[in-house]
Amino acid sequence: MDQELSGATWVKSSLSGGNGGECVEIARLSGGRVAVRDSKDPSGPALVFTSAEWTAFTRRVRTDVV
């Protein structure tokens, strides 16, 4: 897993704007998984979601945004 994360292509949301880099980044991994990390600590831990977990998470975020 560590090797897959270190070779991953990390991206920030286009909505993150110019907030000084204080946001999260995601990387698409094999098997439809998605990794999430703090952009201020790129060598720190990452959360890894299955495809189903990521879909549920992003669906919930979209419906709860005011």
PDB file of N, CA and C in Angstrom:
ATOM      1  N   MET A   1       0.823  -1.196   0.000  1.00  0.00           N
ATOM      2  CA  MET A   1       0.000   0.000   0.000  1.00  0.00           C
ATOM      3  C   MET A   1       0.865   1.258   0.000  1.00  0.00           C
ATOM      4  N   ASP A   2       1.922   1.288   0.831  1.00  0.00           N
ATOM      5  CA  ASP A   2       2.772   2.476   0.892  1.00  0.00           C
ATOM      6  C   ASP A   2       3.382   2.797  -0.466  1.00  0.00           C
ATOM      7  N   GLN A   3       3.803   1.762  -1.194  1.00  0.00           N
ATOM      8  CA  GLN A   3       4.392   1.985  -2.509  1.00  0.00           C
ATOM      9  C   GLN A   3       3.346   2.542  -3.478  1.00  0.00           C
ATOM     10  N   GLU A   4       2.136   2.029  -3.409  1.00  0.00           N
ATOM     11  CA  GLU A   4       1.074   2.534  -4.281  1.00  0.00           C
ATOM     12  C   GLU A   4       0.767   3.994  -3.966  1.00  0.00           C
ATOM     13  N   LEU A   5       0.745   4.355  -2.682  1.00  0.00           N
ATOM     14  CA  LEU A   5       0.472   5.742  -2.303  1.00  0.00           C
ATOM     15  C   LEU A   5       1.617   6.668  -2.701  1.00  0.00           C
ATOM     16  N   SER A   6       2.848   6.214  -2.555  1.00  0.00           N
ATOM     17  CA  SER A   6       3.985   7.079  -2.902  1.00  0.00           C
ATOM     18  C   SER A   6       4.074   7.320  -4.399  1.00  0.00           C
ATOM     19  N   GLY A   7       3.571   6.410  -5.206  1.00  0.00           N
ATOM     20  CA  GLY A   7       3.580   6.585  -6.652  1.00  0.00           C
ATOM     21  C   GLY A   7       2.290   7.151  -7.213  1.00  0.00           C
ATOM     22  N   ALA A   8       1.357   7.498  -6.321  1.00  0.00           N
ATOM     23  CA  ALA A   8       0.047   7.988  -6.760  1.00  0.00           C
ATOM     24  C   ALA A   8       0.134   9.419  -7.284  1.00  0.00           C
ATOM     25  N   THR A   9      -0.807   9.763  -8.140  1.00  0.00           N
ATOM     26  CA  THR A   9      -0.938  11.135  -8.626  1.00  0.00           C
ATOM     27  C   THR A   9      -1.999  11.825  -7.778  1.00  0.00           C
ATOM     28  N   TRP A  10      -1.574  12.770  -6.973  1.00  0.00           N
ATOM     29  CA  TRP A  10      -2.451  13.467  -6.043  1.00  0.00           C
ATOM     30  C   TRP A  10      -2.982  14.746  -6.682  1.00  0.00           C
ATOM     31  N   VAL A  11      -4.245  15.025  -6.487  1.00  0.00           N
ATOM     32  CA  VAL A  11      -4.862  16.238  -7.048  1.00  0.00           C
ATOM     33  C   VAL A  11      -5.723  16.918  -5.990  1.00  0.00           C
ATOM     34  N   LYS A  12      -5.832  18.237  -6.122  1.00  0.00           N
ATOM     35  CA  LYS A  12      -6.714  19.032  -5.259  1.00  0.00           C
ATOM     36  C   LYS A  12      -7.961  19.384  -6.051  1.00  0.00           C
ATOM     37  N   SER A  13      -9.008  19.657  -5.352  1.00  0.00           N
ATOM     38  CA  SER A  13     -10.246  20.081  -5.991  1.00  0.00           C
ATOM     39  C   SER A  13     -10.039  21.410  -6.700  1.00  0.00           C
ATOM     40  N   SER A  14     -10.699  21.564  -7.819  1.00  0.00           N
ATOM     41  CA  SER A  14     -10.646  22.855  -8.522  1.00  0.00           C
ATOM     42  C   SER A  14     -11.352  23.928  -7.707  1.00  0.00           C
ATOM     43  N   LEU A  15     -12.141  23.531  -6.729  1.00  0.00           N
ATOM     44  CA  LEU A  15     -12.851  24.480  -5.875  1.00  0.00           C
ATOM     45  C   LEU A  15     -12.016  24.938  -4.684  1.00  0.00           C
ATOM     46  N   SER A  16     -10.797  24.398  -4.530  1.00  0.00           N
ATOM     47  CA  SER A  16      -9.981  24.748  -3.372  1.00  0.00           C
ATOM     48  C   SER A  16      -9.457  26.172  -3.458  1.00  0.00           C
ATOM     49  N   GLY A  17      -9.358  26.719  -4.653  1.00  0.00           N
ATOM     50  CA  GLY A  17      -8.969  28.118  -4.823  1.00  0.00           C
ATOM     51  C   GLY A  17      -7.598  28.431  -4.263  1.00  0.00           C
ATOM     52  N   GLY A  18      -7.395  29.674  -3.903  1.00  0.00           N
ATOM     53  CA  GLY A  18      -6.105  30.127  -3.385  1.00  0.00           C
ATOM     54  C   GLY A  18      -6.109  30.209  -1.877  1.00  0.00           C
ATOM     55  N   ASN A  19      -6.403  29.118  -1.212  1.00  0.00           N
ATOM     56  CA  ASN A  19      -6.487  29.142   0.245  1.00  0.00           C
ATOM     57  C   ASN A  19      -5.161  28.798   0.919  1.00  0.00           C
ATOM     58  N   GLY A  20      -4.076  28.969   0.256  1.00  0.00           N
ATOM     59  CA  GLY A  20      -2.769  28.718   0.853  1.00  0.00           C
ATOM     60  C   GLY A  20      -2.416  27.250   0.978  1.00  0.00           C
ATOM     61  N   GLY A  21      -3.089  26.401   0.237  1.00  0.00           N
ATOM     62  CA  GLY A  21      -2.764  24.982   0.257  1.00  0.00           C
ATOM     63  C   GLY A  21      -3.386  24.205   1.389  1.00  0.00           C
ATOM     64  N   GLU A  22      -4.304  24.810   2.108  1.00  0.00           N
ATOM     65  CA  GLU A  22      -4.930  24.143   3.240  1.00  0.00           C
ATOM     66  C   GLU A  22      -6.171  23.384   2.780  1.00  0.00           C
ATOM     67  N   CYS A  23      -5.960  22.226   2.226  1.00  0.00           N
ATOM     68  CA  CYS A  23      -7.077  21.426   1.754  1.00  0.00           C
ATOM     69  C   CYS A  23      -6.659  19.960   1.696  1.00  0.00           C
ATOM     70  N   VAL A  24      -7.542  19.160   1.207  1.00  0.00           N
ATOM     71  CA  VAL A  24      -7.223  17.741   1.049  1.00  0.00           C
ATOM     72  C   VAL A  24      -6.916  17.457  -0.411  1.00  0.00           C
ATOM     73  N   GLU A  25      -6.202  16.375  -0.621  1.00  0.00           N
ATOM     74  CA  GLU A  25      -5.890  15.903  -1.965  1.00  0.00           C
ATOM     75  C   GLU A  25      -6.403  14.478  -2.069  1.00  0.00           C
ATOM     76  N   ILE A  26      -6.756  14.085  -3.281  1.00  0.00           N
ATOM     77  CA  ILE A  26      -7.160  12.699  -3.501  1.00  0.00           C
ATOM     78  C   ILE A  26      -6.290  12.083  -4.578  1.00  0.00           C
ATOM     79  N   ALA A  27      -6.227  10.768  -4.537  1.00  0.00           N
ATOM     80  CA  ALA A  27      -5.522  10.001  -5.569  1.00  0.00           C
ATOM     81  C   ALA A  27      -6.373   8.780  -5.886  1.00  0.00           C
ATOM     82  N   ARG A  28      -6.555   8.514  -7.148  1.00  0.00           N
ATOM     83  CA  ARG A  28      -7.288   7.324  -7.571  1.00  0.00           C
ATOM     84  C   ARG A  28      -6.309   6.150  -7.587  1.00  0.00           C
ATOM     85  N   LEU A  29      -6.706   5.061  -6.950  1.00  0.00           N
ATOM     86  CA  LEU A  29      -5.859   3.883  -6.836  1.00  0.00           C
ATOM     87  C   LEU A  29      -6.474   2.713  -7.595  1.00  0.00           C
ATOM     88  N   SER A  30      -5.750   1.627  -7.630  1.00  0.00           N
ATOM     89  CA  SER A  30      -6.239   0.437  -8.320  1.00  0.00           C
ATOM     90  C   SER A  30      -7.516  -0.081  -7.654  1.00  0.00           C
ATOM     91  N   GLY A  31      -8.313  -0.785  -8.421  1.00  0.00           N
ATOM     92  CA  GLY A  31      -9.533  -1.378  -7.892  1.00  0.00           C
ATOM     93  C   GLY A  31     -10.621  -0.380  -7.569  1.00  0.00           C
ATOM     94  N   GLY A  32     -10.500   0.853  -8.082  1.00  0.00           N
ATOM     95  CA  GLY A  32     -11.516   1.870  -7.834  1.00  0.00           C
ATOM     96  C   GLY A  32     -11.402   2.562  -6.489  1.00  0.00           C
ATOM     97  N   ARG A  33     -10.345   2.239  -5.731  1.00  0.00           N
ATOM     98  CA  ARG A  33     -10.168   2.873  -4.425  1.00  0.00           C
ATOM     99  C   ARG A  33      -9.712   4.319  -4.586  1.00  0.00           C
ATOM    100  N   VAL A  34      -9.971   5.123  -3.540  1.00  0.00           N
ATOM    101  CA  VAL A  34      -9.572   6.528  -3.533  1.00  0.00           C
ATOM    102  C   VAL A  34      -8.850   6.818  -2.226  1.00  0.00           C
ATOM    103  N   ALA A  35      -7.674   7.421  -2.317  1.00  0.00           N
ATOM    104  CA  ALA A  35      -6.911   7.828  -1.140  1.00  0.00           C
ATOM    105  C   ALA A  35      -7.099   9.319  -0.916  1.00  0.00           C
ATOM    106  N   VAL A  36      -7.136   9.717   0.349  1.00  0.00           N
ATOM    107  CA  VAL A  36      -7.316  11.118   0.726  1.00  0.00           C
ATOM    108  C   VAL A  36      -6.235  11.469   1.740  1.00  0.00           C
ATOM    109  N   ARG A  37      -5.611  12.641   1.552  1.00  0.00           N
ATOM    110  CA  ARG A  37      -4.579  13.085   2.496  1.00  0.00           C
ATOM    111  C   ARG A  37      -4.659  14.594   2.690  1.00  0.00           C
ATOM    112  N   ASP A  38      -4.010  15.064   3.730  1.00  0.00           N
ATOM    113  CA  ASP A  38      -3.912  16.490   4.038  1.00  0.00           C
ATOM    114  C   ASP A  38      -2.806  17.080   3.172  1.00  0.00           C
ATOM    115  N   SER A  39      -3.131  18.098   2.392  1.00  0.00           N
ATOM    116  CA  SER A  39      -2.131  18.669   1.484  1.00  0.00           C
ATOM    117  C   SER A  39      -0.971  19.334   2.222  1.00  0.00           C
ATOM    118  N   LYS A  40      -1.173  19.710   3.484  1.00  0.00           N
ATOM    119  CA  LYS A  40      -0.097  20.331   4.259  1.00  0.00           C
ATOM    120  C   LYS A  40       0.896  19.301   4.785  1.00  0.00           C
ATOM    121  N   ASP A  41       0.515  18.020   4.739  1.00  0.00           N
ATOM    122  CA  ASP A  41       1.365  16.955   5.268  1.00  0.00           C
ATOM    123  C   ASP A  41       1.399  15.794   4.271  1.00  0.00           C
ATOM    124  N   PRO A  42       1.998  16.014   3.096  1.00  0.00           N
ATOM    125  CA  PRO A  42       1.958  14.988   2.056  1.00  0.00           C
ATOM    126  C   PRO A  42       2.656  13.681   2.421  1.00  0.00           C
ATOM    127  N   SER A  43       3.537  13.695   3.397  1.00  0.00           N
ATOM    128  CA  SER A  43       4.180  12.448   3.803  1.00  0.00           C
ATOM    129  C   SER A  43       3.460  11.803   4.986  1.00  0.00           C
ATOM    130  N   GLY A  44       2.385  12.438   5.432  1.00  0.00           N
ATOM    131  CA  GLY A  44       1.616  11.916   6.557  1.00  0.00           C
ATOM    132  C   GLY A  44       0.659  10.821   6.125  1.00  0.00           C
ATOM    133  N   PRO A  45      -0.243  10.453   7.012  1.00  0.00           N
ATOM    134  CA  PRO A  45      -1.161   9.353   6.733  1.00  0.00           C
ATOM    135  C   PRO A  45      -2.187   9.708   5.657  1.00  0.00           C
ATOM    136  N   ALA A  46      -2.732   8.679   5.062  1.00  0.00           N
ATOM    137  CA  ALA A  46      -3.798   8.834   4.072  1.00  0.00           C
ATOM    138  C   ALA A  46      -4.923   7.869   4.423  1.00  0.00           C
ATOM    139  N   LEU A  47      -6.140   8.308   4.175  1.00  0.00           N
ATOM    140  CA  LEU A  47      -7.292   7.426   4.308  1.00  0.00           C
ATOM    141  C   LEU A  47      -7.545   6.800   2.949  1.00  0.00           C
ATOM    142  N   VAL A  48      -7.886   5.532   2.926  1.00  0.00           N
ATOM    143  CA  VAL A  48      -8.181   4.860   1.666  1.00  0.00           C
ATOM    144  C   VAL A  48      -9.608   4.333   1.732  1.00  0.00           C
ATOM    145  N   PHE A  49     -10.411   4.763   0.757  1.00  0.00           N
ATOM    146  CA  PHE A  49     -11.812   4.374   0.661  1.00  0.00           C
ATOM    147  C   PHE A  49     -12.000   3.383  -0.488  1.00  0.00           C
ATOM    148  N   THR A  50     -12.884   2.427  -0.289  1.00  0.00           N
ATOM    149  CA  THR A  50     -13.291   1.595  -1.416  1.00  0.00           C
ATOM    150  C   THR A  50     -14.142   2.455  -2.337  1.00  0.00           C
ATOM    151  N   SER A  51     -14.415   1.954  -3.516  1.00  0.00           N
ATOM    152  CA  SER A  51     -15.251   2.688  -4.458  1.00  0.00           C
ATOM    153  C   SER A  51     -16.620   2.982  -3.858  1.00  0.00           C
ATOM    154  N   ALA A  52     -17.234   1.981  -3.216  1.00  0.00           N
ATOM    155  CA  ALA A  52     -18.559   2.163  -2.615  1.00  0.00           C
ATOM    156  C   ALA A  52     -18.522   3.175  -1.465  1.00  0.00           C
ATOM    157  N   GLU A  53     -17.474   3.112  -0.645  1.00  0.00           N
ATOM    158  CA  GLU A  53     -17.347   4.064   0.462  1.00  0.00           C
ATOM    159  C   GLU A  53     -17.179   5.485  -0.052  1.00  0.00           C
ATOM    160  N   TRP A  54     -16.356   5.648  -1.087  1.00  0.00           N
ATOM    161  CA  TRP A  54     -16.119   6.981  -1.652  1.00  0.00           C
ATOM    162  C   TRP A  54     -17.409   7.543  -2.256  1.00  0.00           C
ATOM    163  N   THR A  55     -18.142   6.714  -2.960  1.00  0.00           N
ATOM    164  CA  THR A  55     -19.408   7.151  -3.546  1.00  0.00           C
ATOM    165  C   THR A  55     -20.373   7.600  -2.452  1.00  0.00           C
ATOM    166  N   ALA A  56     -20.500   6.820  -1.395  1.00  0.00           N
ATOM    167  CA  ALA A  56     -21.393   7.180  -0.289  1.00  0.00           C
ATOM    168  C   ALA A  56     -20.942   8.468   0.391  1.00  0.00           C
ATOM    169  N   PHE A  57     -19.641   8.606   0.608  1.00  0.00           N
ATOM    170  CA  PHE A  57     -19.102   9.811   1.245  1.00  0.00           C
ATOM    171  C   PHE A  57     -19.377  11.056   0.409  1.00  0.00           C
ATOM    172  N   THR A  58     -19.027  11.012  -0.870  1.00  0.00           N
ATOM    173  CA  THR A  58     -19.206  12.205  -1.706  1.00  0.00           C
ATOM    174  C   THR A  58     -20.688  12.521  -1.922  1.00  0.00           C
ATOM    175  N   ARG A  59     -21.520  11.495  -1.996  1.00  0.00           N
ATOM    176  CA  ARG A  59     -22.967  11.734  -2.114  1.00  0.00           C
ATOM    177  C   ARG A  59     -23.470  12.465  -0.880  1.00  0.00           C
ATOM    178  N   ARG A  60     -23.025  12.028   0.286  1.00  0.00           N
ATOM    179  CA  ARG A  60     -23.456  12.652   1.540  1.00  0.00           C
ATOM    180  C   ARG A  60     -22.960  14.090   1.637  1.00  0.00           C
ATOM    181  N   VAL A  61     -21.725  14.331   1.241  1.00  0.00           N
ATOM    182  CA  VAL A  61     -21.181  15.695   1.291  1.00  0.00           C
ATOM    183  C   VAL A  61     -22.000  16.613   0.383  1.00  0.00           C
ATOM    184  N   ARG A  62     -22.312  16.145  -0.816  1.00  0.00           N
ATOM    185  CA  ARG A  62     -23.097  16.975  -1.751  1.00  0.00           C
ATOM    186  C   ARG A  62     -24.472  17.281  -1.217  1.00  0.00           C
ATOM    187  N   THR A  63     -25.125  16.350  -0.548  1.00  0.00           N
ATOM    188  CA  THR A  63     -26.485  16.589  -0.063  1.00  0.00           C
ATOM    189  C   THR A  63     -26.511  17.410   1.209  1.00  0.00           C
ATOM    190  N   ASP A  64     -25.404  17.441   1.962  1.00  0.00           N
ATOM    191  CA  ASP A  64     -25.364  18.199   3.215  1.00  0.00           C
ATOM    192  C   ASP A  64     -24.799  19.602   3.069  1.00  0.00           C
ATOM    193  N   VAL A  65     -24.284  19.948   1.904  1.00  0.00           N
ATOM    194  CA  VAL A  65     -23.715  21.280   1.688  1.00  0.00           C
ATOM    195  C   VAL A  65     -24.854  22.285   1.568  1.00  0.00           C
ATOM    196  N   VAL A  66     -24.727  23.356   2.309  1.00  0.00           N
ATOM    197  CA  VAL A  66     -25.780  24.393   2.293  1.00  0.00           C
ATOM    198  C   VAL A  66     -25.429  25.466   1.290  1.00  0.00           C
TER     199      VAL A  66
END
